Amino acid sequence: MLRRDVLKNWFLLGLAGVITLAFLAPGWCASLNPASRTSTWAVVLLFFLSGLNLPSESIRLSARRVRLHVYIQLFIFVVAPLYFGLTSFPFRGTLEGRLIVGIYALACLPTTVTSCTVFTQLAGGNAALTMLNASLANSVGIIISPLLLSLLLREAGQAMPVEEITRILISLLVKMLVPVTCGQLVRRLFARRASGWRGGISVASNALILLIIYFAFCRSAGSPLFRKHLAALLPVFAYLAGSYLFLVGLAYTGARLFAFEPENTIAVLFAAPQKTLTMGVPLITTYFAAAPESLGLAILPILFYHTWQLLISSFLRNAPFVRRLAARAAAAAAH
């Protein structure tokens, strides 16, 4: 029983482990990640695996449910950024503005690929629909997310110079878009085998994310200033926890107003409010490339939100109203 629980939650345990290790041994970063070369190659490999794992051949089928897909994509890239932009103003001056960058980066991210699909399937929803929208959001998010981040920062009075926006976009294109494209090309060459790689790719991707997080925290963990401000983050974590619950409720309410089918409403619940750690960490790392000591604080909103959404989704899939939706979907399918 214990072994099964450990294997099931190995990523969350690993997340706690790498953060603890960063606090205990921050000096290891210099030897393991000289001139940030290791973390850069880890990001490149991570997005190559993402491209290998994205079932982009399925995206063509999404045209059949245009209204539903538009709803999910607008929620991810318009509703969520607007919500965080309008409600996070109390934190704009916190910790010299580093924290608000993390919150805004979170707001602009696409949804997860694996976890939202798995939870949709476990809850009895339309997993294929979730996967299509997750794939689409992560494909276009490579361009949209940094542009949205620059827009939110400008509205908050922290406008980035054009040169900085250009630097971030070029860096993300090289680190993300090129590897994703290469991964997609390899997937096409081995189309018949690609579906069998999903489990191994997911494990390897999560391991790379943990490595990148460790390097991100190492630069900050040794700073007394970083440790001093950790207690001040409790209100931020409470805000993010409440925000995820609100966005889940908002996504569900909108799905009911648009009268989506029960199985598609379940898909909306998990696809629309979630945010991916896979793109979040590289986005923040790229933004703070010139100030790596600020990384630890800026990345905390994304780490907390990711952990919280997994916890809530675990409960949500067994919630009574979700079970009723699943039962109605099953009854409709039987007829």
C-alpha atoms as a PDB file:
ATOM      1  CA  MET A   1       0.000   0.000   0.000  1.00  0.00           C
ATOM      2  CA  LEU A   2       2.743   2.444   1.015  1.00  0.00           C
ATOM      3  CA  ARG A   3       4.818   1.530  -2.046  1.00  0.00           C
ATOM      4  CA  ARG A   4       1.842   2.102  -4.324  1.00  0.00           C
ATOM      5  CA  ASP A   5       1.135   5.532  -2.785  1.00  0.00           C
ATOM      6  CA  VAL A   6       4.798   6.522  -3.149  1.00  0.00           C
ATOM      7  CA  LEU A   7       4.857   5.478  -6.806  1.00  0.00           C
ATOM      8  CA  LYS A   8       1.583   7.273  -7.461  1.00  0.00           C
ATOM      9  CA  ASN A   9       2.763  10.536  -5.901  1.00  0.00           C
ATOM     10  CA  TRP A  10       6.457  10.345  -6.756  1.00  0.00           C
ATOM     11  CA  PHE A  11       6.465  13.693  -8.535  1.00  0.00           C
ATOM     12  CA  LEU A  12       5.050  15.613  -5.560  1.00  0.00           C
ATOM     13  CA  LEU A  13       7.505  13.833  -3.264  1.00  0.00           C
ATOM     14  CA  GLY A  14      10.306  14.642  -5.696  1.00  0.00           C
ATOM     15  CA  LEU A  15       9.200  18.279  -5.779  1.00  0.00           C
ATOM     16  CA  ALA A  16       9.472  18.509  -1.999  1.00  0.00           C
ATOM     17  CA  GLY A  17      12.822  16.696  -2.201  1.00  0.00           C
ATOM     18  CA  VAL A  18      14.486  18.996  -4.756  1.00  0.00           C
ATOM     19  CA  ILE A  19      13.297  22.134  -2.956  1.00  0.00           C
ATOM     20  CA  THR A  20      14.669  20.770   0.326  1.00  0.00           C
ATOM     21  CA  LEU A  21      17.925  19.817  -1.374  1.00  0.00           C
ATOM     22  CA  ALA A  22      18.223  23.314  -2.827  1.00  0.00           C
ATOM     23  CA  PHE A  23      17.988  24.754   0.694  1.00  0.00           C
ATOM     24  CA  LEU A  24      20.413  22.235   2.188  1.00  0.00           C
ATOM     25  CA  ALA A  25      22.988  22.229  -0.614  1.00  0.00           C
ATOM     26  CA  PRO A  26      22.657  25.371  -2.737  1.00  0.00           C
ATOM     27  CA  GLY A  27      26.356  25.249  -3.574  1.00  0.00           C
ATOM     28  CA  TRP A  28      25.974  22.137  -5.719  1.00  0.00           C
ATOM     29  CA  CYS A  29      24.331  24.225  -8.430  1.00  0.00           C
ATOM     30  CA  ALA A  30      27.602  25.848  -9.519  1.00  0.00           C
ATOM     31  CA  SER A  31      29.271  22.521 -10.278  1.00  0.00           C
ATOM     32  CA  LEU A  32      26.210  20.748 -11.691  1.00  0.00           C
ATOM     33  CA  ASN A  33      24.978  23.669 -13.778  1.00  0.00           C
ATOM     34  CA  PRO A  34      28.004  25.698 -14.960  1.00  0.00           C
ATOM     35  CA  ALA A  35      26.934  28.862 -16.794  1.00  0.00           C
ATOM     36  CA  SER A  36      23.352  27.434 -16.798  1.00  0.00           C
ATOM     37  CA  ARG A  37      24.303  25.011 -19.569  1.00  0.00           C
ATOM     38  CA  THR A  38      22.778  21.951 -17.879  1.00  0.00           C
ATOM     39  CA  SER A  39      19.450  23.658 -17.220  1.00  0.00           C
ATOM     40  CA  THR A  40      19.339  24.966 -20.807  1.00  0.00           C
ATOM     41  CA  TRP A  41      19.825  21.499 -22.267  1.00  0.00           C
ATOM     42  CA  ALA A  42      17.292  20.110 -19.796  1.00  0.00           C
ATOM     43  CA  VAL A  43      14.706  22.600 -21.111  1.00  0.00           C
ATOM     44  CA  VAL A  44      15.532  21.712 -24.731  1.00  0.00           C
ATOM     45  CA  LEU A  45      15.179  17.989 -24.018  1.00  0.00           C
ATOM     46  CA  LEU A  46      11.977  18.594 -22.049  1.00  0.00           C
ATOM     47  CA  PHE A  47      10.317  20.275 -25.014  1.00  0.00           C
ATOM     48  CA  PHE A  48      11.623  17.696 -27.455  1.00  0.00           C
ATOM     49  CA  LEU A  49       9.831  15.093 -25.330  1.00  0.00           C
ATOM     50  CA  SER A  50       6.741  17.327 -25.234  1.00  0.00           C
ATOM     51  CA  GLY A  51       6.727  17.433 -29.039  1.00  0.00           C
ATOM     52  CA  LEU A  52       7.170  13.677 -29.113  1.00  0.00           C
ATOM     53  CA  ASN A  53       4.201  13.282 -26.781  1.00  0.00           C
ATOM     54  CA  LEU A  54       1.763  15.776 -28.353  1.00  0.00           C
ATOM     55  CA  PRO A  55      -0.865  13.994 -30.470  1.00  0.00           C
ATOM     56  CA  SER A  56      -1.044  16.889 -32.923  1.00  0.00           C
ATOM     57  CA  GLU A  57      -2.476  14.592 -35.589  1.00  0.00           C
ATOM     58  CA  SER A  58      -5.668  14.659 -33.513  1.00  0.00           C
ATOM     59  CA  ILE A  59      -6.020  18.452 -33.516  1.00  0.00           C
ATOM     60  CA  ARG A  60      -7.544  18.352 -36.998  1.00  0.00           C
ATOM     61  CA  LEU A  61     -10.573  16.573 -35.529  1.00  0.00           C
ATOM     62  CA  SER A  62     -11.347  19.449 -33.170  1.00  0.00           C
ATOM     63  CA  ALA A  63     -13.160  21.425 -35.882  1.00  0.00           C
ATOM     64  CA  ARG A  64     -16.278  19.378 -35.177  1.00  0.00           C
ATOM     65  CA  ARG A  65     -16.911  21.129 -31.857  1.00  0.00           C
ATOM     66  CA  VAL A  66     -15.829  24.686 -32.593  1.00  0.00           C
ATOM     67  CA  ARG A  67     -17.915  26.376 -29.897  1.00  0.00           C
ATOM     68  CA  LEU A  68     -16.593  24.109 -27.151  1.00  0.00           C
ATOM     69  CA  HIS A  69     -12.954  24.481 -28.195  1.00  0.00           C
ATOM     70  CA  VAL A  70     -13.248  28.242 -28.506  1.00  0.00           C
ATOM     71  CA  TYR A  71     -14.701  28.341 -24.983  1.00  0.00           C
ATOM     72  CA  ILE A  72     -11.814  26.355 -23.494  1.00  0.00           C
ATOM     73  CA  GLN A  73      -9.099  28.274 -25.356  1.00  0.00           C
ATOM     74  CA  LEU A  74     -10.606  31.652 -24.461  1.00  0.00           C
ATOM     75  CA  PHE A  75     -10.837  30.602 -20.835  1.00  0.00           C
ATOM     76  CA  ILE A  76      -7.156  29.610 -20.820  1.00  0.00           C
ATOM     77  CA  PHE A  77      -5.732  32.623 -22.648  1.00  0.00           C
ATOM     78  CA  VAL A  78      -8.281  35.396 -21.943  1.00  0.00           C
ATOM     79  CA  VAL A  79     -10.425  34.704 -18.867  1.00  0.00           C
ATOM     80  CA  ALA A  80      -7.624  33.444 -16.587  1.00  0.00           C
ATOM     81  CA  PRO A  81      -5.173  36.272 -17.469  1.00  0.00           C
ATOM     82  CA  LEU A  82      -7.947  38.847 -16.999  1.00  0.00           C
ATOM     83  CA  TYR A  83      -8.871  37.377 -13.629  1.00  0.00           C
ATOM     84  CA  PHE A  84      -5.309  37.407 -12.314  1.00  0.00           C
ATOM     85  CA  GLY A  85      -4.667  40.826 -13.811  1.00  0.00           C
ATOM     86  CA  LEU A  86      -7.695  42.301 -12.029  1.00  0.00           C
ATOM     87  CA  THR A  87      -7.371  40.543  -8.667  1.00  0.00           C
ATOM     88  CA  SER A  88      -3.622  40.399  -7.993  1.00  0.00           C
ATOM     89  CA  PHE A  89      -3.035  44.151  -7.610  1.00  0.00           C
ATOM     90  CA  PRO A  90      -2.360  43.867  -3.806  1.00  0.00           C
ATOM     91  CA  PHE A  91       0.794  41.891  -4.656  1.00  0.00           C
ATOM     92  CA  ARG A  92       2.171  44.229  -7.318  1.00  0.00           C
ATOM     93  CA  GLY A  93       4.640  45.908  -4.990  1.00  0.00           C
ATOM     94  CA  THR A  94       5.503  42.764  -3.033  1.00  0.00           C
ATOM     95  CA  LEU A  95       9.145  41.647  -2.974  1.00  0.00           C
ATOM     96  CA  GLU A  96      10.308  44.296  -5.427  1.00  0.00           C
ATOM     97  CA  GLY A  97       7.881  43.164  -8.106  1.00  0.00           C
ATOM     98  CA  ARG A  98       9.423  39.715  -8.494  1.00  0.00           C
ATOM     99  CA  LEU A  99       6.382  37.928  -7.135  1.00  0.00           C
ATOM    100  CA  ILE A 100       3.894  39.573  -9.490  1.00  0.00           C
ATOM    101  CA  VAL A 101       5.935  38.326 -12.455  1.00  0.00           C
ATOM    102  CA  GLY A 102       5.436  34.794 -11.167  1.00  0.00           C
ATOM    103  CA  ILE A 103       1.678  35.307 -10.737  1.00  0.00           C
ATOM    104  CA  TYR A 104       1.335  36.842 -14.205  1.00  0.00           C
ATOM    105  CA  ALA A 105       3.433  34.105 -15.788  1.00  0.00           C
ATOM    106  CA  LEU A 106       1.094  31.573 -14.160  1.00  0.00           C
ATOM    107  CA  ALA A 107      -1.922  33.425 -15.548  1.00  0.00           C
ATOM    108  CA  CYS A 108      -0.610  33.260 -19.111  1.00  0.00           C
ATOM    109  CA  LEU A 109       0.294  29.572 -19.216  1.00  0.00           C
ATOM    110  CA  PRO A 110      -1.602  26.951 -21.234  1.00  0.00           C
ATOM    111  CA  THR A 111      -3.280  24.022 -19.528  1.00  0.00           C
ATOM    112  CA  THR A 112      -1.534  20.792 -18.579  1.00  0.00           C
ATOM    113  CA  VAL A 113      -1.364  17.956 -21.112  1.00  0.00           C
ATOM    114  CA  THR A 114      -1.174  14.783 -19.062  1.00  0.00           C
ATOM    115  CA  SER A 115      -2.880  15.503 -15.734  1.00  0.00           C
ATOM    116  CA  CYS A 116      -5.991  17.227 -17.101  1.00  0.00           C
ATOM    117  CA  THR A 117      -6.497  14.362 -19.576  1.00  0.00           C
ATOM    118  CA  VAL A 118      -5.998  11.694 -16.910  1.00  0.00           C
ATOM    119  CA  PHE A 119      -8.393  13.357 -14.457  1.00  0.00           C
ATOM    120  CA  THR A 120     -11.006  13.826 -17.194  1.00  0.00           C
ATOM    121  CA  GLN A 121     -10.775  10.141 -18.047  1.00  0.00           C
ATOM    122  CA  LEU A 122     -10.958   9.063 -14.390  1.00  0.00           C
ATOM    123  CA  ALA A 123     -14.006  11.275 -13.861  1.00  0.00           C
ATOM    124  CA  GLY A 124     -15.837   9.775 -16.851  1.00  0.00           C
ATOM    125  CA  GLY A 125     -15.521  12.792 -19.129  1.00  0.00           C
ATOM    126  CA  ASN A 126     -14.451  13.275 -22.734  1.00  0.00           C
ATOM    127  CA  ALA A 127     -10.706  12.598 -22.441  1.00  0.00           C
ATOM    128  CA  ALA A 128     -10.172  12.890 -26.202  1.00  0.00           C
ATOM    129  CA  LEU A 129     -11.601  16.419 -26.160  1.00  0.00           C
ATOM    130  CA  THR A 130      -9.356  17.364 -23.235  1.00  0.00           C
ATOM    131  CA  MET A 131      -6.283  16.028 -24.997  1.00  0.00           C
ATOM    132  CA  LEU A 132      -7.113  17.941 -28.174  1.00  0.00           C
ATOM    133  CA  ASN A 133      -7.473  21.238 -26.339  1.00  0.00           C
ATOM    134  CA  ALA A 134      -4.394  20.633 -24.187  1.00  0.00           C
ATOM    135  CA  SER A 135      -2.340  19.877 -27.296  1.00  0.00           C
ATOM    136  CA  LEU A 136      -3.645  22.955 -29.099  1.00  0.00           C
ATOM    137  CA  ALA A 137      -3.117  25.256 -26.095  1.00  0.00           C
ATOM    138  CA  ASN A 138       0.450  24.061 -25.543  1.00  0.00           C
ATOM    139  CA  SER A 139       1.288  24.428 -29.237  1.00  0.00           C
ATOM    140  CA  VAL A 140       0.116  28.043 -29.519  1.00  0.00           C
ATOM    141  CA  GLY A 141       1.154  28.891 -25.946  1.00  0.00           C
ATOM    142  CA  ILE A 142       4.831  28.962 -26.900  1.00  0.00           C
ATOM    143  CA  ILE A 143       4.089  32.241 -28.697  1.00  0.00           C
ATOM    144  CA  ILE A 144       0.997  33.513 -26.870  1.00  0.00           C
ATOM    145  CA  SER A 145       2.172  33.073 -23.261  1.00  0.00           C
ATOM    146  CA  PRO A 146       5.238  35.402 -23.370  1.00  0.00           C
ATOM    147  CA  LEU A 147       3.248  38.008 -25.308  1.00  0.00           C
ATOM    148  CA  LEU A 148       0.438  37.910 -22.736  1.00  0.00           C
ATOM    149  CA  LEU A 149       3.011  38.179 -19.948  1.00  0.00           C
ATOM    150  CA  SER A 150       4.498  41.321 -21.482  1.00  0.00           C
ATOM    151  CA  LEU A 151       0.986  42.812 -21.833  1.00  0.00           C
ATOM    152  CA  LEU A 152       0.072  42.132 -18.186  1.00  0.00           C
ATOM    153  CA  LEU A 153       3.370  43.525 -16.942  1.00  0.00           C
ATOM    154  CA  ARG A 154       2.842  46.685 -18.976  1.00  0.00           C
ATOM    155  CA  GLU A 155      -0.607  47.165 -17.430  1.00  0.00           C
ATOM    156  CA  ALA A 156       0.959  46.719 -13.971  1.00  0.00           C
ATOM    157  CA  GLY A 157       3.513  49.428 -14.681  1.00  0.00           C
ATOM    158  CA  GLN A 158       6.382  47.009 -15.246  1.00  0.00           C
ATOM    159  CA  ALA A 159       6.569  47.260 -19.006  1.00  0.00           C
ATOM    160  CA  MET A 160       9.387  45.318 -20.620  1.00  0.00           C
ATOM    161  CA  PRO A 161      11.503  47.067 -23.251  1.00  0.00           C
ATOM    162  CA  VAL A 162      10.999  45.828 -26.790  1.00  0.00           C
ATOM    163  CA  GLU A 163      14.529  44.431 -26.734  1.00  0.00           C
ATOM    164  CA  GLU A 164      13.682  42.351 -23.632  1.00  0.00           C
ATOM    165  CA  ILE A 165      10.474  40.988 -25.169  1.00  0.00           C
ATOM    166  CA  THR A 166      12.409  40.107 -28.320  1.00  0.00           C
ATOM    167  CA  ARG A 167      15.116  38.374 -26.278  1.00  0.00           C
ATOM    168  CA  ILE A 168      12.572  36.276 -24.370  1.00  0.00           C
ATOM    169  CA  LEU A 169      10.676  35.324 -27.536  1.00  0.00           C
ATOM    170  CA  ILE A 170      13.836  34.326 -29.397  1.00  0.00           C
ATOM    171  CA  SER A 171      15.078  32.353 -26.408  1.00  0.00           C
ATOM    172  CA  LEU A 172      11.750  30.542 -26.048  1.00  0.00           C
ATOM    173  CA  LEU A 173      11.570  29.840 -29.770  1.00  0.00           C
ATOM    174  CA  VAL A 174      15.022  28.262 -29.666  1.00  0.00           C
ATOM    175  CA  LYS A 175      14.468  26.388 -26.395  1.00  0.00           C
ATOM    176  CA  MET A 176      10.836  25.383 -26.969  1.00  0.00           C
ATOM    177  CA  LEU A 177       9.472  25.695 -30.493  1.00  0.00           C
ATOM    178  CA  VAL A 178      12.446  24.147 -32.297  1.00  0.00           C
ATOM    179  CA  PRO A 179      12.644  21.113 -29.944  1.00  0.00           C
ATOM    180  CA  VAL A 180       8.844  20.660 -30.064  1.00  0.00           C
ATOM    181  CA  THR A 181       8.949  20.721 -33.866  1.00  0.00           C
ATOM    182  CA  CYS A 182      11.774  18.163 -33.904  1.00  0.00           C
ATOM    183  CA  GLY A 183       9.803  15.987 -31.504  1.00  0.00           C
ATOM    184  CA  GLN A 184       6.778  16.164 -33.780  1.00  0.00           C
ATOM    185  CA  LEU A 185       8.881  15.147 -36.790  1.00  0.00           C
ATOM    186  CA  VAL A 186      10.220  12.122 -34.902  1.00  0.00           C
ATOM    187  CA  ARG A 187       6.660  11.271 -33.840  1.00  0.00           C
ATOM    188  CA  ARG A 188       5.535  11.258 -37.474  1.00  0.00           C
ATOM    189  CA  LEU A 189       8.396   8.954 -38.426  1.00  0.00           C
ATOM    190  CA  PHE A 190       7.428   6.489 -35.716  1.00  0.00           C
ATOM    191  CA  ALA A 191       3.677   7.091 -35.680  1.00  0.00           C
ATOM    192  CA  ARG A 192       2.748   3.489 -34.891  1.00  0.00           C
ATOM    193  CA  ARG A 193       5.034   3.270 -31.871  1.00  0.00           C
ATOM    194  CA  ALA A 194       4.492   6.789 -30.529  1.00  0.00           C
ATOM    195  CA  SER A 195       1.368   5.990 -28.511  1.00  0.00           C
ATOM    196  CA  GLY A 196       3.292   3.358 -26.546  1.00  0.00           C
ATOM    197  CA  TRP A 197       5.912   5.889 -25.478  1.00  0.00           C
ATOM    198  CA  ARG A 198       3.510   8.084 -23.467  1.00  0.00           C
ATOM    199  CA  GLY A 199       4.225   6.578 -20.041  1.00  0.00           C
ATOM    200  CA  GLY A 200       8.008   6.672 -20.370  1.00  0.00           C
ATOM    201  CA  ILE A 201       7.975  10.169 -21.841  1.00  0.00           C
ATOM    202  CA  SER A 202       5.796  11.420 -18.976  1.00  0.00           C
ATOM    203  CA  VAL A 203       8.219  10.041 -16.362  1.00  0.00           C
ATOM    204  CA  ALA A 204      11.272  11.468 -18.165  1.00  0.00           C
ATOM    205  CA  SER A 205       9.565  14.882 -18.572  1.00  0.00           C
ATOM    206  CA  ASN A 206       8.665  15.086 -14.880  1.00  0.00           C
ATOM    207  CA  ALA A 207      12.232  14.142 -13.926  1.00  0.00           C
ATOM    208  CA  LEU A 208      13.575  16.964 -16.124  1.00  0.00           C
ATOM    209  CA  ILE A 209      11.116  19.418 -14.566  1.00  0.00           C
ATOM    210  CA  LEU A 210      12.409  18.470 -11.110  1.00  0.00           C
ATOM    211  CA  LEU A 211      15.982  19.037 -12.277  1.00  0.00           C
ATOM    212  CA  ILE A 212      15.130  22.472 -13.695  1.00  0.00           C
ATOM    213  CA  ILE A 213      13.284  23.411 -10.488  1.00  0.00           C
ATOM    214  CA  TYR A 214      16.306  22.407  -8.415  1.00  0.00           C
ATOM    215  CA  PHE A 215      18.594  24.631 -10.472  1.00  0.00           C
ATOM    216  CA  ALA A 216      16.081  27.488 -10.278  1.00  0.00           C
ATOM    217  CA  PHE A 217      15.883  27.292  -6.484  1.00  0.00           C
ATOM    218  CA  CYS A 218      19.605  26.825  -5.907  1.00  0.00           C
ATOM    219  CA  ARG A 219      20.375  30.358  -7.033  1.00  0.00           C
ATOM    220  CA  SER A 220      17.993  31.821  -4.431  1.00  0.00           C
ATOM    221  CA  ALA A 221      17.969  29.314  -1.568  1.00  0.00           C
ATOM    222  CA  GLY A 222      21.350  30.380  -0.214  1.00  0.00           C
ATOM    223  CA  SER A 223      20.226  33.989   0.125  1.00  0.00           C
ATOM    224  CA  PRO A 224      19.114  35.145   3.620  1.00  0.00           C
ATOM    225  CA  LEU A 225      16.760  37.575   1.878  1.00  0.00           C
ATOM    226  CA  PHE A 226      14.944  34.684   0.192  1.00  0.00           C
ATOM    227  CA  ARG A 227      14.432  32.830   3.481  1.00  0.00           C
ATOM    228  CA  LYS A 228      13.342  36.027   5.190  1.00  0.00           C
ATOM    229  CA  HIS A 229      10.492  36.575   2.711  1.00  0.00           C
ATOM    230  CA  LEU A 230       9.107  33.021   2.715  1.00  0.00           C
ATOM    231  CA  ALA A 231       6.677  33.724   5.566  1.00  0.00           C
ATOM    232  CA  ALA A 232       5.309  36.709   3.630  1.00  0.00           C
ATOM    233  CA  LEU A 233       4.177  34.332   0.885  1.00  0.00           C
ATOM    234  CA  LEU A 234       1.376  32.751   2.940  1.00  0.00           C
ATOM    235  CA  PRO A 235      -1.234  35.343   1.807  1.00  0.00           C
ATOM    236  CA  VAL A 236      -0.144  34.734  -1.784  1.00  0.00           C
ATOM    237  CA  PHE A 237      -0.633  30.979  -1.419  1.00  0.00           C
ATOM    238  CA  ALA A 238      -4.094  31.558   0.090  1.00  0.00           C
ATOM    239  CA  TYR A 239      -4.950  33.830  -2.843  1.00  0.00           C
ATOM    240  CA  LEU A 240      -3.773  31.242  -5.392  1.00  0.00           C
ATOM    241  CA  ALA A 241      -5.669  28.432  -3.647  1.00  0.00           C
ATOM    242  CA  GLY A 242      -8.872  30.469  -3.704  1.00  0.00           C
ATOM    243  CA  SER A 243      -8.225  31.516  -7.299  1.00  0.00           C
ATOM    244  CA  TYR A 244      -8.085  27.945  -8.553  1.00  0.00           C
ATOM    245  CA  LEU A 245     -11.352  27.101  -6.799  1.00  0.00           C
ATOM    246  CA  PHE A 246     -12.972  30.219  -8.253  1.00  0.00           C
ATOM    247  CA  LEU A 247     -11.765  29.429 -11.781  1.00  0.00           C
ATOM    248  CA  VAL A 248     -13.067  25.855 -11.511  1.00  0.00           C
ATOM    249  CA  GLY A 249     -16.459  27.214 -10.461  1.00  0.00           C
ATOM    250  CA  LEU A 250     -16.416  29.819 -13.228  1.00  0.00           C
ATOM    251  CA  ALA A 251     -15.496  27.216 -15.868  1.00  0.00           C
ATOM    252  CA  TYR A 252     -18.300  24.933 -14.667  1.00  0.00           C
ATOM    253  CA  THR A 253     -20.867  27.756 -14.608  1.00  0.00           C
ATOM    254  CA  GLY A 254     -19.961  28.803 -18.142  1.00  0.00           C
ATOM    255  CA  ALA A 255     -20.199  25.213 -19.384  1.00  0.00           C
ATOM    256  CA  ARG A 256     -23.683  24.899 -17.906  1.00  0.00           C
ATOM    257  CA  LEU A 257     -24.774  28.241 -19.391  1.00  0.00           C
ATOM    258  CA  PHE A 258     -23.633  27.070 -22.832  1.00  0.00           C
ATOM    259  CA  ALA A 259     -25.441  23.747 -22.242  1.00  0.00           C
ATOM    260  CA  PHE A 260     -22.441  21.570 -23.052  1.00  0.00           C
ATOM    261  CA  GLU A 261     -22.948  17.817 -22.880  1.00  0.00           C
ATOM    262  CA  PRO A 262     -22.152  16.215 -19.476  1.00  0.00           C
ATOM    263  CA  GLU A 263     -18.956  14.495 -20.671  1.00  0.00           C
ATOM    264  CA  ASN A 264     -17.745  17.765 -22.224  1.00  0.00           C
ATOM    265  CA  THR A 265     -18.593  19.732 -19.082  1.00  0.00           C
ATOM    266  CA  ILE A 266     -16.297  17.371 -17.156  1.00  0.00           C
ATOM    267  CA  ALA A 267     -13.578  18.011 -19.748  1.00  0.00           C
ATOM    268  CA  VAL A 268     -13.988  21.773 -19.254  1.00  0.00           C
ATOM    269  CA  LEU A 269     -13.628  21.385 -15.459  1.00  0.00           C
ATOM    270  CA  PHE A 270     -10.157  19.911 -15.794  1.00  0.00           C
ATOM    271  CA  ALA A 271      -8.833  21.511 -19.001  1.00  0.00           C
ATOM    272  CA  ALA A 272      -9.817  25.156 -18.546  1.00  0.00           C
ATOM    273  CA  PRO A 273      -8.486  26.173 -15.073  1.00  0.00           C
ATOM    274  CA  GLN A 274      -5.285  24.083 -14.930  1.00  0.00           C
ATOM    275  CA  LYS A 275      -1.847  25.538 -15.714  1.00  0.00           C
ATOM    276  CA  THR A 276       1.202  23.629 -16.926  1.00  0.00           C
ATOM    277  CA  LEU A 277       4.444  23.488 -15.005  1.00  0.00           C
ATOM    278  CA  THR A 278       6.246  22.249 -18.116  1.00  0.00           C
ATOM    279  CA  MET A 279       6.145  25.673 -19.764  1.00  0.00           C
ATOM    280  CA  GLY A 280       5.921  27.745 -16.593  1.00  0.00           C
ATOM    281  CA  VAL A 281       9.376  26.973 -15.236  1.00  0.00           C
ATOM    282  CA  PRO A 282      11.243  27.699 -18.521  1.00  0.00           C
ATOM    283  CA  LEU A 283       9.209  30.885 -19.030  1.00  0.00           C
ATOM    284  CA  ILE A 284      10.142  32.251 -15.602  1.00  0.00           C
ATOM    285  CA  THR A 285      13.741  31.012 -15.962  1.00  0.00           C
ATOM    286  CA  THR A 286      14.073  32.834 -19.289  1.00  0.00           C
ATOM    287  CA  TYR A 287      12.543  36.034 -17.906  1.00  0.00           C
ATOM    288  CA  PHE A 288      14.998  36.104 -14.988  1.00  0.00           C
ATOM    289  CA  ALA A 289      18.020  34.970 -16.998  1.00  0.00           C
ATOM    290  CA  ALA A 290      19.805  38.199 -16.088  1.00  0.00           C
ATOM    291  CA  ALA A 291      18.806  37.985 -12.401  1.00  0.00           C
ATOM    292  CA  PRO A 292      18.877  34.297 -11.404  1.00  0.00           C
ATOM    293  CA  GLU A 293      18.866  35.142  -7.695  1.00  0.00           C
ATOM    294  CA  SER A 294      15.221  36.239  -8.099  1.00  0.00           C
ATOM    295  CA  LEU A 295      14.136  32.936  -9.609  1.00  0.00           C
ATOM    296  CA  GLY A 296      13.270  31.152  -6.368  1.00  0.00           C
ATOM    297  CA  LEU A 297      10.612  33.634  -5.291  1.00  0.00           C
ATOM    298  CA  ALA A 298       9.177  34.224  -8.760  1.00  0.00           C
ATOM    299  CA  ILE A 299       8.698  30.523  -9.431  1.00  0.00           C
ATOM    300  CA  LEU A 300       6.824  29.782  -6.190  1.00  0.00           C
ATOM    301  CA  PRO A 301       3.339  30.807  -7.457  1.00  0.00           C
ATOM    302  CA  ILE A 302       3.578  28.323 -10.325  1.00  0.00           C
ATOM    303  CA  LEU A 303       4.858  25.520  -8.080  1.00  0.00           C
ATOM    304  CA  PHE A 304       2.129  26.076  -5.495  1.00  0.00           C
ATOM    305  CA  TYR A 305      -0.667  26.366  -8.063  1.00  0.00           C
ATOM    306  CA  HIS A 306       0.470  23.194  -9.821  1.00  0.00           C
ATOM    307  CA  THR A 307       0.532  21.191  -6.585  1.00  0.00           C
ATOM    308  CA  TRP A 308      -2.802  22.613  -5.436  1.00  0.00           C
ATOM    309  CA  GLN A 309      -4.573  21.869  -8.734  1.00  0.00           C
ATOM    310  CA  LEU A 310      -3.456  18.229  -8.564  1.00  0.00           C
ATOM    311  CA  LEU A 311      -4.774  17.937  -5.016  1.00  0.00           C
ATOM    312  CA  ILE A 312      -8.129  19.557  -5.790  1.00  0.00           C
ATOM    313  CA  SER A 313      -8.546  17.593  -9.032  1.00  0.00           C
ATOM    314  CA  SER A 314      -8.102  14.367  -7.066  1.00  0.00           C
ATOM    315  CA  PHE A 315     -11.088  15.315  -4.918  1.00  0.00           C
ATOM    316  CA  LEU A 316     -13.037  16.901  -7.775  1.00  0.00           C
ATOM    317  CA  ARG A 317     -13.163  13.758  -9.881  1.00  0.00           C
ATOM    318  CA  ASN A 318     -15.145  12.060  -7.078  1.00  0.00           C
ATOM    319  CA  ALA A 319     -17.345  15.047  -6.248  1.00  0.00           C
ATOM    320  CA  PRO A 320     -21.103  14.255  -6.249  1.00  0.00           C
ATOM    321  CA  PHE A 321     -21.941  16.699  -9.057  1.00  0.00           C
ATOM    322  CA  VAL A 322     -19.142  15.263 -11.231  1.00  0.00           C
ATOM    323  CA  ARG A 323     -20.441  11.740 -10.574  1.00  0.00           C
ATOM    324  CA  ARG A 324     -23.911  12.853 -11.660  1.00  0.00           C
ATOM    325  CA  LEU A 325     -22.475  14.304 -14.870  1.00  0.00           C
ATOM    326  CA  ALA A 326     -20.577  11.046 -15.515  1.00  0.00           C
ATOM    327  CA  ALA A 327     -23.728   8.987 -14.910  1.00  0.00           C
ATOM    328  CA  ARG A 328     -25.704  11.125 -17.375  1.00  0.00           C
ATOM    329  CA  ALA A 329     -22.904  10.826 -19.932  1.00  0.00           C
ATOM    330  CA  ALA A 330     -22.815   7.037 -19.525  1.00  0.00           C
ATOM    331  CA  ALA A 331     -26.608   6.818 -19.860  1.00  0.00           C
ATOM    332  CA  ALA A 332     -26.539   8.921 -23.025  1.00  0.00           C
ATOM    333  CA  ALA A 333     -23.769   6.762 -24.506  1.00  0.00           C
ATOM    334  CA  ALA A 334     -25.767   3.591 -23.748  1.00  0.00           C
ATOM    335  CA  HIS A 335     -28.638   4.915 -25.822  1.00  0.00           C
END
